[in-house]
Amino acid sequence: MSNGGSRFKAMLKRRGYNMTRLADEMGMTRTQMSNRVSGTVKWTWSDAIQVTTRLSITFEEFREFFPEFPEGRGTA
């Protein structure tokens, strides 16, 4: 797992979440969530919107964990 992924999981914990809870709330499996966090599968804009909304973080904060995520609005 990338350093960003490890830091993301630590942030989840600080906010009272874990990978399973976030995955459940987003309608995906824990494996699907893990694949995104590890970088195996790219985040979609739809995923990023859900994460930032549920965790009350900005896209800039999201990109601190996943810098490969595009800055501009793409397709969901």
Protein backbone atom coordinates (compact mmCIF):
# COMPACT_ATOMS: atom_id res chain seq x y z
CA MET A 1 0.00 0.00 0.00
CA SER A 2 1.23 3.46 -0.80
CA ASN A 3 2.20 5.91 1.91
CA GLY A 4 -0.87 7.93 0.88
CA GLY A 5 -3.04 4.87 1.39
CA SER A 6 -1.62 4.30 4.87
CA ARG A 7 -2.16 7.95 5.78
CA PHE A 8 -5.71 7.75 4.35
CA LYS A 9 -6.51 4.75 6.57
CA ALA A 10 -5.15 6.63 9.60
CA MET A 11 -7.35 9.63 8.73
CA LEU A 12 -10.37 7.31 8.43
CA LYS A 13 -9.71 6.00 11.91
CA ARG A 14 -9.42 9.52 13.35
CA ARG A 15 -12.84 10.29 11.86
CA GLY A 16 -14.45 7.16 13.30
CA TYR A 17 -14.38 5.20 10.06
CA ASN A 18 -12.63 2.15 8.73
CA MET A 19 -12.37 0.76 5.20
CA THR A 20 -15.37 -1.54 5.65
CA ARG A 21 -17.68 1.17 6.96
CA LEU A 22 -16.73 3.62 4.20
CA ALA A 23 -17.09 0.91 1.54
CA ASP A 24 -20.51 -0.10 2.89
CA GLU A 25 -21.72 3.50 2.94
CA MET A 26 -20.51 3.97 -0.63
CA GLY A 27 -22.16 0.77 -1.88
CA MET A 28 -18.98 -1.11 -2.68
CA THR A 29 -17.16 -4.08 -1.23
CA ARG A 30 -14.18 -3.73 1.09
CA THR A 31 -12.05 -5.26 -1.68
CA GLN A 32 -13.18 -2.58 -4.12
CA MET A 33 -12.33 0.11 -1.55
CA SER A 34 -8.96 -1.49 -0.80
CA ASN A 35 -8.13 -1.60 -4.53
CA ARG A 36 -8.76 2.15 -4.79
CA VAL A 37 -6.80 3.00 -1.66
CA SER A 38 -3.85 0.85 -2.79
CA GLY A 39 -3.88 2.38 -6.28
CA THR A 40 -4.72 -0.90 -8.04
CA VAL A 41 -7.95 0.69 -9.33
CA LYS A 42 -8.23 4.39 -10.07
CA TRP A 43 -10.67 6.54 -8.11
CA THR A 44 -13.58 7.86 -10.16
CA TRP A 45 -14.92 11.37 -9.70
CA SER A 46 -18.10 9.85 -8.30
CA ASP A 47 -16.05 7.94 -5.69
CA ALA A 48 -14.02 11.05 -4.81
CA ILE A 49 -17.18 13.13 -4.38
CA GLN A 50 -18.63 10.52 -2.02
CA VAL A 51 -15.42 10.26 0.00
CA THR A 52 -14.96 14.00 0.36
CA THR A 53 -18.61 14.49 1.28
CA ARG A 54 -18.78 11.66 3.81
CA LEU A 55 -15.47 12.58 5.46
CA SER A 56 -15.93 16.36 5.19
CA ILE A 57 -12.61 16.87 3.44
CA THR A 58 -11.74 18.96 0.41
CA PHE A 59 -10.55 17.64 -2.94
CA GLU A 60 -7.18 19.20 -2.12
CA GLU A 61 -7.04 17.09 1.05
CA PHE A 62 -8.12 14.02 -0.94
CA ARG A 63 -5.28 14.69 -3.39
CA GLU A 64 -2.78 14.84 -0.51
CA PHE A 65 -3.49 11.12 -0.05
CA PHE A 66 -3.89 10.34 -3.77
CA PRO A 67 -1.80 12.85 -5.76
CA GLU A 68 -2.36 10.93 -8.99
CA PHE A 69 -6.03 11.92 -8.86
CA PRO A 70 -6.63 14.65 -11.48
CA GLU A 71 -6.99 18.25 -10.38
CA GLY A 72 -9.69 19.22 -12.88
CA ARG A 73 -13.19 17.83 -13.04
CA GLY A 74 -13.27 14.70 -15.20
CA THR A 75 -16.05 12.28 -15.94
CA ALA A 76 -17.72 10.31 -13.19
